[in-house]
All heavy atoms as atom14 arrays in JSON, in Angstrom:
{
  "sequence": "LSWNNPRRLMIEALEASKVEFKPNDQPSETNHFLENWIL",
  "atom14_mask": [
    [1, 1, 1, 1, 1, 1, 1, 1, 0, 0, 0, 0, 0, 0],
    [1, 1, 1, 1, 1, 1, 0, 0, 0, 0, 0, 0, 0, 0],
    [1, 1, 1, 1, 1, 1, 1, 1, 1, 1, 1, 1, 1, 1],
    [1, 1, 1, 1, 1, 1, 1, 1, 0, 0, 0, 0, 0, 0],
    [1, 1, 1, 1, 1, 1, 1, 1, 0, 0, 0, 0, 0, 0],
    [1, 1, 1, 1, 1, 1, 1, 0, 0, 0, 0, 0, 0, 0],
    [1, 1, 1, 1, 1, 1, 1, 1, 1, 1, 1, 0, 0, 0],
    [1, 1, 1, 1, 1, 1, 1, 1, 1, 1, 1, 0, 0, 0],
    [1, 1, 1, 1, 1, 1, 1, 1, 0, 0, 0, 0, 0, 0],
    [1, 1, 1, 1, 1, 1, 1, 1, 0, 0, 0, 0, 0, 0],
    [1, 1, 1, 1, 1, 1, 1, 1, 0, 0, 0, 0, 0, 0],
    [1, 1, 1, 1, 1, 1, 1, 1, 1, 0, 0, 0, 0, 0],
    [1, 1, 1, 1, 1, 0, 0, 0, 0, 0, 0, 0, 0, 0],
    [1, 1, 1, 1, 1, 1, 1, 1, 0, 0, 0, 0, 0, 0],
    [1, 1, 1, 1, 1, 1, 1, 1, 1, 0, 0, 0, 0, 0],
    [1, 1, 1, 1, 1, 0, 0, 0, 0, 0, 0, 0, 0, 0],
    [1, 1, 1, 1, 1, 1, 0, 0, 0, 0, 0, 0, 0, 0],
    [1, 1, 1, 1, 1, 1, 1, 1, 1, 0, 0, 0, 0, 0],
    [1, 1, 1, 1, 1, 1, 1, 0, 0, 0, 0, 0, 0, 0],
    [1, 1, 1, 1, 1, 1, 1, 1, 1, 0, 0, 0, 0, 0],
    [1, 1, 1, 1, 1, 1, 1, 1, 1, 1, 1, 0, 0, 0],
    [1, 1, 1, 1, 1, 1, 1, 1, 1, 0, 0, 0, 0, 0],
    [1, 1, 1, 1, 1, 1, 1, 0, 0, 0, 0, 0, 0, 0],
    [1, 1, 1, 1, 1, 1, 1, 1, 0, 0, 0, 0, 0, 0],
    [1, 1, 1, 1, 1, 1, 1, 1, 0, 0, 0, 0, 0, 0],
    [1, 1, 1, 1, 1, 1, 1, 1, 1, 0, 0, 0, 0, 0],
    [1, 1, 1, 1, 1, 1, 1, 0, 0, 0, 0, 0, 0, 0],
    [1, 1, 1, 1, 1, 1, 0, 0, 0, 0, 0, 0, 0, 0],
    [1, 1, 1, 1, 1, 1, 1, 1, 1, 0, 0, 0, 0, 0],
    [1, 1, 1, 1, 1, 1, 1, 0, 0, 0, 0, 0, 0, 0],
    [1, 1, 1, 1, 1, 1, 1, 1, 0, 0, 0, 0, 0, 0],
    [1, 1, 1, 1, 1, 1, 1, 1, 1, 1, 0, 0, 0, 0],
    [1, 1, 1, 1, 1, 1, 1, 1, 1, 1, 1, 0, 0, 0],
    [1, 1, 1, 1, 1, 1, 1, 1, 0, 0, 0, 0, 0, 0],
    [1, 1, 1, 1, 1, 1, 1, 1, 1, 0, 0, 0, 0, 0],
    [1, 1, 1, 1, 1, 1, 1, 1, 0, 0, 0, 0, 0, 0],
    [1, 1, 1, 1, 1, 1, 1, 1, 1, 1, 1, 1, 1, 1],
    [1, 1, 1, 1, 1, 1, 1, 1, 0, 0, 0, 0, 0, 0],
    [1, 1, 1, 1, 1, 1, 1, 1, 0, 0, 0, 0, 0, 0]
  ],
  "atom14_positions": [
    [[17.34, -16.23, -10.53], [15.95, -16.29, -10.12], [15.5, -17.74, -9.98], [16.09, -18.65, -10.55], [15.06, -15.55, -11.12], [15.12, -16.01, -12.59], [13.97, -16.96, -12.89], [15.05, -14.81, -13.52], [0.0, 0.0, 0.0], [0.0, 0.0, 0.0], [0.0, 0.0, 0.0], [0.0, 0.0, 0.0], [0.0, 0.0, 0.0], [0.0, 0.0, 0.0]],
    [[14.48, -17.91, -9.17], [13.83, -19.21, -9.02], [12.39, -19.08, -9.5], [11.74, -18.06, -9.24], [13.87, -19.67, -7.55], [15.18, -19.9, -7.13], [0.0, 0.0, 0.0], [0.0, 0.0, 0.0], [0.0, 0.0, 0.0], [0.0, 0.0, 0.0], [0.0, 0.0, 0.0], [0.0, 0.0, 0.0], [0.0, 0.0, 0.0], [0.0, 0.0, 0.0]],
    [[11.91, -20.1, -10.18], [10.56, -20.05, -10.76], [9.79, -21.28, -10.29], [10.12, -22.4, -10.63], [10.64, -20.01, -12.28], [9.32, -19.79, -12.95], [8.59, -20.69, -13.67], [8.58, -18.57, -12.99], [7.44, -20.12, -14.14], [7.4, -18.8, -13.74], [8.79, -17.29, -12.46], [6.45, -17.82, -13.97], [7.84, -16.31, -12.69], [6.69, -16.58, -13.44]],
    [[8.75, -21.05, -9.51], [7.9, -22.13, -9.02], [6.46, -21.7, -9.25], [5.76, -21.27, -8.33], [8.16, -22.41, -7.54], [7.36, -23.59, -7.03], [6.93, -24.44, -7.82], [7.15, -23.64, -5.73], [0.0, 0.0, 0.0], [0.0, 0.0, 0.0], [0.0, 0.0, 0.0], [0.0, 0.0, 0.0], [0.0, 0.0, 0.0], [0.0, 0.0, 0.0]],
    [[6.02, -21.79, -10.5], [4.74, -21.24, -10.9], [4.18, -22.04, -12.07], [4.95, -22.47, -12.94], [4.93, -19.76, -11.29], [3.64, -18.99, -11.38], [2.85, -19.17, -12.3], [3.41, -18.11, -10.4], [0.0, 0.0, 0.0], [0.0, 0.0, 0.0], [0.0, 0.0, 0.0], [0.0, 0.0, 0.0], [0.0, 0.0, 0.0], [0.0, 0.0, 0.0]],
    [[2.88, -22.24, -12.13], [2.31, -23.0, -13.26], [2.36, -22.26, -14.59], [2.12, -22.87, -15.64], [0.87, -23.26, -12.82], [0.58, -22.17, -11.84], [1.86, -21.92, -11.12], [0.0, 0.0, 0.0], [0.0, 0.0, 0.0], [0.0, 0.0, 0.0], [0.0, 0.0, 0.0], [0.0, 0.0, 0.0], [0.0, 0.0, 0.0], [0.0, 0.0, 0.0]],
    [[2.67, -20.98, -14.57], [2.74, -20.23, -15.83], [4.05, -20.52, -16.55], [5.06, -20.78, -15.93], [2.61, -18.73, -15.56], [1.27, -18.32, -14.98], [1.31, -16.87, -14.49], [0.02, -16.45, -13.97], [-0.39, -16.69, -12.73], [0.4, -17.36, -11.9], [-1.57, -16.27, -12.31], [0.0, 0.0, 0.0], [0.0, 0.0, 0.0], [0.0, 0.0, 0.0]],
    [[4.0, -20.43, -17.89], [5.23, -20.56, -18.68], [6.07, -19.29, -18.53], [5.54, -18.18, -18.58], [4.9, -20.77, -20.16], [4.44, -22.17, -20.49], [4.22, -22.32, -21.99], [3.01, -21.65, -22.43], [2.92, -20.84, -23.48], [3.99, -20.57, -24.19], [1.76, -20.32, -23.83], [0.0, 0.0, 0.0], [0.0, 0.0, 0.0], [0.0, 0.0, 0.0]],
    [[7.37, -19.46, -18.37], [8.29, -18.32, -18.27], [9.0, -18.17, -19.61], [9.58, -19.13, -20.13], [9.29, -18.54, -17.15], [10.25, -17.39, -16.84], [9.48, -16.16, -16.36], [11.27, -17.82, -15.79], [0.0, 0.0, 0.0], [0.0, 0.0, 0.0], [0.0, 0.0, 0.0], [0.0, 0.0, 0.0], [0.0, 0.0, 0.0], [0.0, 0.0, 0.0]],
    [[8.97, -16.96, -20.18], [9.47, -16.71, -21.53], [10.31, -15.44, -21.55], [10.22, -14.59, -20.65], [8.29, -16.53, -22.5], [7.25, -17.62, -22.49], [7.72, -19.05, -23.49], [7.73, -18.33, -25.14], [0.0, 0.0, 0.0], [0.0, 0.0, 0.0], [0.0, 0.0, 0.0], [0.0, 0.0, 0.0], [0.0, 0.0, 0.0], [0.0, 0.0, 0.0]],
    [[11.11, -15.3, -22.61], [11.73, -14.02, -22.91], [11.42, -13.67, -24.37], [11.26, -14.54, -25.22], [13.25, -13.99, -22.69], [13.96, -15.04, -23.55], [13.6, -14.13, -21.22], [15.46, -14.88, -23.53], [0.0, 0.0, 0.0], [0.0, 0.0, 0.0], [0.0, 0.0, 0.0], [0.0, 0.0, 0.0], [0.0, 0.0, 0.0], [0.0, 0.0, 0.0]],
    [[11.33, -12.38, -24.63], [11.15, -11.85, -25.98], [12.26, -10.86, -26.25], [12.55, -9.99, -25.42], [9.8, -11.15, -26.12], [9.6, -10.5, -27.48], [8.37, -9.61, -27.54], [7.72, -9.39, -26.49], [8.06, -9.11, -28.64], [0.0, 0.0, 0.0], [0.0, 0.0, 0.0], [0.0, 0.0, 0.0], [0.0, 0.0, 0.0], [0.0, 0.0, 0.0]],
    [[12.92, -11.0, -27.41], [13.98, -10.07, -27.78], [13.36, -8.79, -28.33], [12.74, -8.8, -29.39], [14.89, -10.71, -28.82], [0.0, 0.0, 0.0], [0.0, 0.0, 0.0], [0.0, 0.0, 0.0], [0.0, 0.0, 0.0], [0.0, 0.0, 0.0], [0.0, 0.0, 0.0], [0.0, 0.0, 0.0], [0.0, 0.0, 0.0], [0.0, 0.0, 0.0]],
    [[13.52, -7.7, -27.61], [13.01, -6.41, -28.08], [13.93, -5.8, -29.12], [13.54, -4.89, -29.85], [12.82, -5.46, -26.89], [11.82, -5.96, -25.83], [11.74, -4.99, -24.66], [10.44, -6.17, -26.44], [0.0, 0.0, 0.0], [0.0, 0.0, 0.0], [0.0, 0.0, 0.0], [0.0, 0.0, 0.0], [0.0, 0.0, 0.0], [0.0, 0.0, 0.0]],
    [[15.15, -6.29, -29.16], [16.09, -6.02, -30.24], [16.97, -7.26, -30.35], [16.9, -8.15, -29.49], [16.91, -4.75, -29.97], [17.7, -4.79, -28.69], [18.38, -3.45, -28.39], [17.7, -2.42, -28.41], [19.59, -3.47, -28.11], [0.0, 0.0, 0.0], [0.0, 0.0, 0.0], [0.0, 0.0, 0.0], [0.0, 0.0, 0.0], [0.0, 0.0, 0.0]],
    [[17.74, -7.36, -31.42], [18.59, -8.55, -31.58], [19.42, -8.76, -30.32], [20.09, -7.83, -29.85], [19.49, -8.38, -32.79], [0.0, 0.0, 0.0], [0.0, 0.0, 0.0], [0.0, 0.0, 0.0], [0.0, 0.0, 0.0], [0.0, 0.0, 0.0], [0.0, 0.0, 0.0], [0.0, 0.0, 0.0], [0.0, 0.0, 0.0], [0.0, 0.0, 0.0]],
    [[19.37, -9.97, -29.77], [19.96, -10.21, -28.45], [20.72, -11.52, -28.4], [20.46, -12.44, -29.18], [18.86, -10.22, -27.37], [18.13, -9.0, -27.36], [0.0, 0.0, 0.0], [0.0, 0.0, 0.0], [0.0, 0.0, 0.0], [0.0, 0.0, 0.0], [0.0, 0.0, 0.0], [0.0, 0.0, 0.0], [0.0, 0.0, 0.0], [0.0, 0.0, 0.0]],
    [[21.63, -11.6, -27.44], [22.33, -12.84, -27.14], [22.22, -13.06, -25.63], [22.56, -12.19, -24.83], [23.8, -12.76, -27.55], [24.59, -14.04, -27.32], [26.05, -13.9, -27.75], [26.15, -13.74, -29.26], [27.59, -13.73, -29.69], [0.0, 0.0, 0.0], [0.0, 0.0, 0.0], [0.0, 0.0, 0.0], [0.0, 0.0, 0.0], [0.0, 0.0, 0.0]],
    [[21.7, -14.24, -25.26], [21.37, -14.51, -23.86], [22.01, -15.83, -23.43], [21.95, -16.83, -24.15], [19.84, -14.6, -23.66], [19.51, -14.79, -22.19], [19.16, -13.35, -24.2], [0.0, 0.0, 0.0], [0.0, 0.0, 0.0], [0.0, 0.0, 0.0], [0.0, 0.0, 0.0], [0.0, 0.0, 0.0], [0.0, 0.0, 0.0], [0.0, 0.0, 0.0]],
    [[22.62, -15.82, -22.24], [23.17, -17.05, -21.66], [22.23, -17.54, -20.55], [21.84, -16.76, -19.67], [24.55, -16.8, -21.07], [25.16, -18.05, -20.43], [26.42, -17.77, -19.66], [26.39, -16.89, -18.76], [27.45, -18.41, -19.94], [0.0, 0.0, 0.0], [0.0, 0.0, 0.0], [0.0, 0.0, 0.0], [0.0, 0.0, 0.0], [0.0, 0.0, 0.0]],
    [[21.89, -18.81, -20.61], [21.08, -19.46, -19.58], [21.98, -20.43, -18.82], [22.68, -21.23, -19.43], [19.92, -20.23, -20.19], [19.01, -19.39, -21.04], [19.23, -19.25, -22.4], [17.92, -18.75, -20.48], [18.39, -18.49, -23.19], [17.06, -17.99, -21.26], [17.3, -17.86, -22.62], [0.0, 0.0, 0.0], [0.0, 0.0, 0.0], [0.0, 0.0, 0.0]],
    [[21.91, -20.4, -17.5], [22.68, -21.33, -16.69], [21.78, -21.89, -15.6], [21.68, -21.31, -14.51], [23.91, -20.66, -16.08], [24.81, -21.63, -15.32], [26.04, -20.93, -14.76], [26.94, -21.93, -14.04], [28.14, -21.27, -13.47], [0.0, 0.0, 0.0], [0.0, 0.0, 0.0], [0.0, 0.0, 0.0], [0.0, 0.0, 0.0], [0.0, 0.0, 0.0]],
    [[21.08, -23.0, -15.86], [20.24, -23.61, -14.82], [21.09, -24.11, -13.65], [22.25, -24.51, -13.83], [19.58, -24.78, -15.55], [19.72, -24.46, -17.0], [21.01, -23.71, -17.13], [0.0, 0.0, 0.0], [0.0, 0.0, 0.0], [0.0, 0.0, 0.0], [0.0, 0.0, 0.0], [0.0, 0.0, 0.0], [0.0, 0.0, 0.0], [0.0, 0.0, 0.0]],
    [[20.5, -24.07, -12.46], [21.19, -24.53, -11.26], [20.45, -25.72, -10.66], [19.22, -25.73, -10.62], [21.27, -23.4, -10.22], [22.08, -22.23, -10.73], [23.12, -22.39, -11.35], [21.59, -21.03, -10.45], [0.0, 0.0, 0.0], [0.0, 0.0, 0.0], [0.0, 0.0, 0.0], [0.0, 0.0, 0.0], [0.0, 0.0, 0.0], [0.0, 0.0, 0.0]],
    [[21.2, -26.71, -10.2], [20.58, -27.86, -9.57], [19.96, -27.49, -8.23], [18.95, -28.04, -7.81], [21.61, -28.99, -9.35], [22.09, -29.56, -10.66], [21.33, -29.5, -11.65], [23.24, -30.03, -10.71], [0.0, 0.0, 0.0], [0.0, 0.0, 0.0], [0.0, 0.0, 0.0], [0.0, 0.0, 0.0], [0.0, 0.0, 0.0], [0.0, 0.0, 0.0]],
    [[20.59, -26.55, -7.54], [20.08, -26.11, -6.25], [19.56, -24.68, -6.39], [20.04, -23.92, -7.22], [21.2, -26.15, -5.19], [21.78, -27.54, -4.99], [20.76, -28.5, -4.44], [19.89, -28.09, -3.67], [20.86, -29.76, -4.83], [0.0, 0.0, 0.0], [0.0, 0.0, 0.0], [0.0, 0.0, 0.0], [0.0, 0.0, 0.0], [0.0, 0.0, 0.0]],
    [[18.57, -24.3, -5.56], [18.08, -22.92, -5.6], [19.22, -21.94, -5.42], [20.05, -22.09, -4.54], [17.09, -22.86, -4.42], [16.65, -24.28, -4.24], [17.85, -25.12, -4.57], [0.0, 0.0, 0.0], [0.0, 0.0, 0.0], [0.0, 0.0, 0.0], [0.0, 0.0, 0.0], [0.0, 0.0, 0.0], [0.0, 0.0, 0.0], [0.0, 0.0, 0.0]],
    [[19.29, -20.96, -6.3], [20.39, -20.0, -6.24], [20.03, -18.83, -5.34], [18.87, -18.59, -5.03], [20.69, -19.48, -7.65], [19.55, -18.85, -8.19], [0.0, 0.0, 0.0], [0.0, 0.0, 0.0], [0.0, 0.0, 0.0], [0.0, 0.0, 0.0], [0.0, 0.0, 0.0], [0.0, 0.0, 0.0], [0.0, 0.0, 0.0], [0.0, 0.0, 0.0]],
    [[21.06, -18.13, -4.91], [20.83, -16.92, -4.15], [20.36, -15.83, -5.11], [21.08, -15.44, -6.01], [22.11, -16.48, -3.43], [22.55, -17.41, -2.34], [23.74, -16.86, -1.57], [24.13, -15.72, -1.86], [24.26, -17.57, -0.7], [0.0, 0.0, 0.0], [0.0, 0.0, 0.0], [0.0, 0.0, 0.0], [0.0, 0.0, 0.0], [0.0, 0.0, 0.0]],
    [[19.14, -15.38, -4.91], [18.6, -14.38, -5.81], [19.25, -13.03, -5.58], [19.64, -12.7, -4.46], [17.07, -14.25, -5.63], [16.59, -13.22, -6.5], [16.72, -13.88, -4.19], [0.0, 0.0, 0.0], [0.0, 0.0, 0.0], [0.0, 0.0, 0.0], [0.0, 0.0, 0.0], [0.0, 0.0, 0.0], [0.0, 0.0, 0.0], [0.0, 0.0, 0.0]],
    [[19.4, -12.25, -6.65], [19.89, -10.89, -6.49], [18.73, -9.89, -6.45], [18.94, -8.69, -6.57], [20.86, -10.53, -7.62], [20.24, -10.67, -8.99], [19.04, -10.91, -9.14], [21.05, -10.52, -10.03], [0.0, 0.0, 0.0], [0.0, 0.0, 0.0], [0.0, 0.0, 0.0], [0.0, 0.0, 0.0], [0.0, 0.0, 0.0], [0.0, 0.0, 0.0]],
    [[17.5, -10.39, -6.29], [16.3, -9.59, -6.12], [15.94, -8.77, -7.37], [15.1, -7.89, -7.3], [16.42, -8.65, -4.91], [16.7, -9.38, -3.63], [15.78, -10.25, -3.05], [17.79, -9.38, -2.81], [16.29, -10.75, -1.94], [17.51, -10.24, -1.78], [0.0, 0.0, 0.0], [0.0, 0.0, 0.0], [0.0, 0.0, 0.0], [0.0, 0.0, 0.0]],
    [[16.6, -9.06, -8.49], [16.3, -8.3, -9.7], [14.84, -8.45, -10.1], [14.13, -7.46, -10.32], [17.21, -8.77, -10.84], [16.91, -8.14, -12.17], [17.44, -6.92, -12.51], [16.06, -8.76, -13.08], [17.16, -6.32, -13.73], [15.76, -8.18, -14.3], [16.31, -6.96, -14.62], [0.0, 0.0, 0.0], [0.0, 0.0, 0.0], [0.0, 0.0, 0.0]],
    [[14.38, -9.69, -10.21], [13.0, -9.92, -10.64], [12.01, -9.41, -9.61], [11.0, -8.79, -9.96], [12.78, -11.42, -10.89], [11.38, -11.83, -11.36], [10.99, -11.09, -12.63], [11.3, -13.33, -11.56], [0.0, 0.0, 0.0], [0.0, 0.0, 0.0], [0.0, 0.0, 0.0], [0.0, 0.0, 0.0], [0.0, 0.0, 0.0], [0.0, 0.0, 0.0]],
    [[12.29, -9.65, -8.34], [11.41, -9.17, -7.28], [11.25, -7.65, -7.34], [10.14, -7.12, -7.23], [11.98, -9.59, -5.93], [11.22, -9.07, -4.72], [11.91, -9.46, -3.43], [11.99, -10.67, -3.15], [12.38, -8.55, -2.71], [0.0, 0.0, 0.0], [0.0, 0.0, 0.0], [0.0, 0.0, 0.0], [0.0, 0.0, 0.0], [0.0, 0.0, 0.0]],
    [[12.36, -6.94, -7.54], [12.3, -5.48, -7.6], [11.49, -5.0, -8.81], [10.71, -4.05, -8.71], [13.71, -4.9, -7.66], [14.45, -5.05, -6.34], [13.83, -5.18, -5.29], [15.77, -5.04, -6.4], [0.0, 0.0, 0.0], [0.0, 0.0, 0.0], [0.0, 0.0, 0.0], [0.0, 0.0, 0.0], [0.0, 0.0, 0.0], [0.0, 0.0, 0.0]],
    [[11.66, -5.68, -9.95], [10.91, -5.28, -11.14], [9.42, -5.5, -10.95], [8.6, -4.65, -11.32], [11.41, -6.06, -12.36], [12.27, -5.24, -13.28], [13.62, -5.23, -13.37], [11.81, -4.26, -14.23], [14.03, -4.32, -14.3], [12.95, -3.72, -14.85], [10.56, -3.8, -14.6], [12.87, -2.73, -15.84], [10.48, -2.82, -15.6], [11.61, -2.29, -16.2]],
    [[9.04, -6.64, -10.38], [7.62, -6.92, -10.18], [7.0, -5.89, -9.24], [5.89, -5.39, -9.49], [7.44, -8.35, -9.63], [7.81, -9.38, -10.72], [6.01, -8.58, -9.16], [7.8, -10.81, -10.23], [0.0, 0.0, 0.0], [0.0, 0.0, 0.0], [0.0, 0.0, 0.0], [0.0, 0.0, 0.0], [0.0, 0.0, 0.0], [0.0, 0.0, 0.0]],
    [[7.72, -5.53, -8.19], [7.22, -4.52, -7.26], [7.13, -3.15, -7.93], [6.17, -2.4, -7.73], [8.1, -4.45, -6.02], [8.02, -5.66, -5.07], [9.06, -5.55, -3.96], [6.62, -5.76, -4.48], [0.0, 0.0, 0.0], [0.0, 0.0, 0.0], [0.0, 0.0, 0.0], [0.0, 0.0, 0.0], [0.0, 0.0, 0.0], [0.0, 0.0, 0.0]]
  ]
}
């Protein structure tokens, strides 16, 4: 996902979780996951 918004972007663990973050220097090809959820 790409985030270009003045709001803070956060995650909350709804159960004990392990998450990998991998920032990209260039805009990545989105898999539309976030777009589909918002819609």
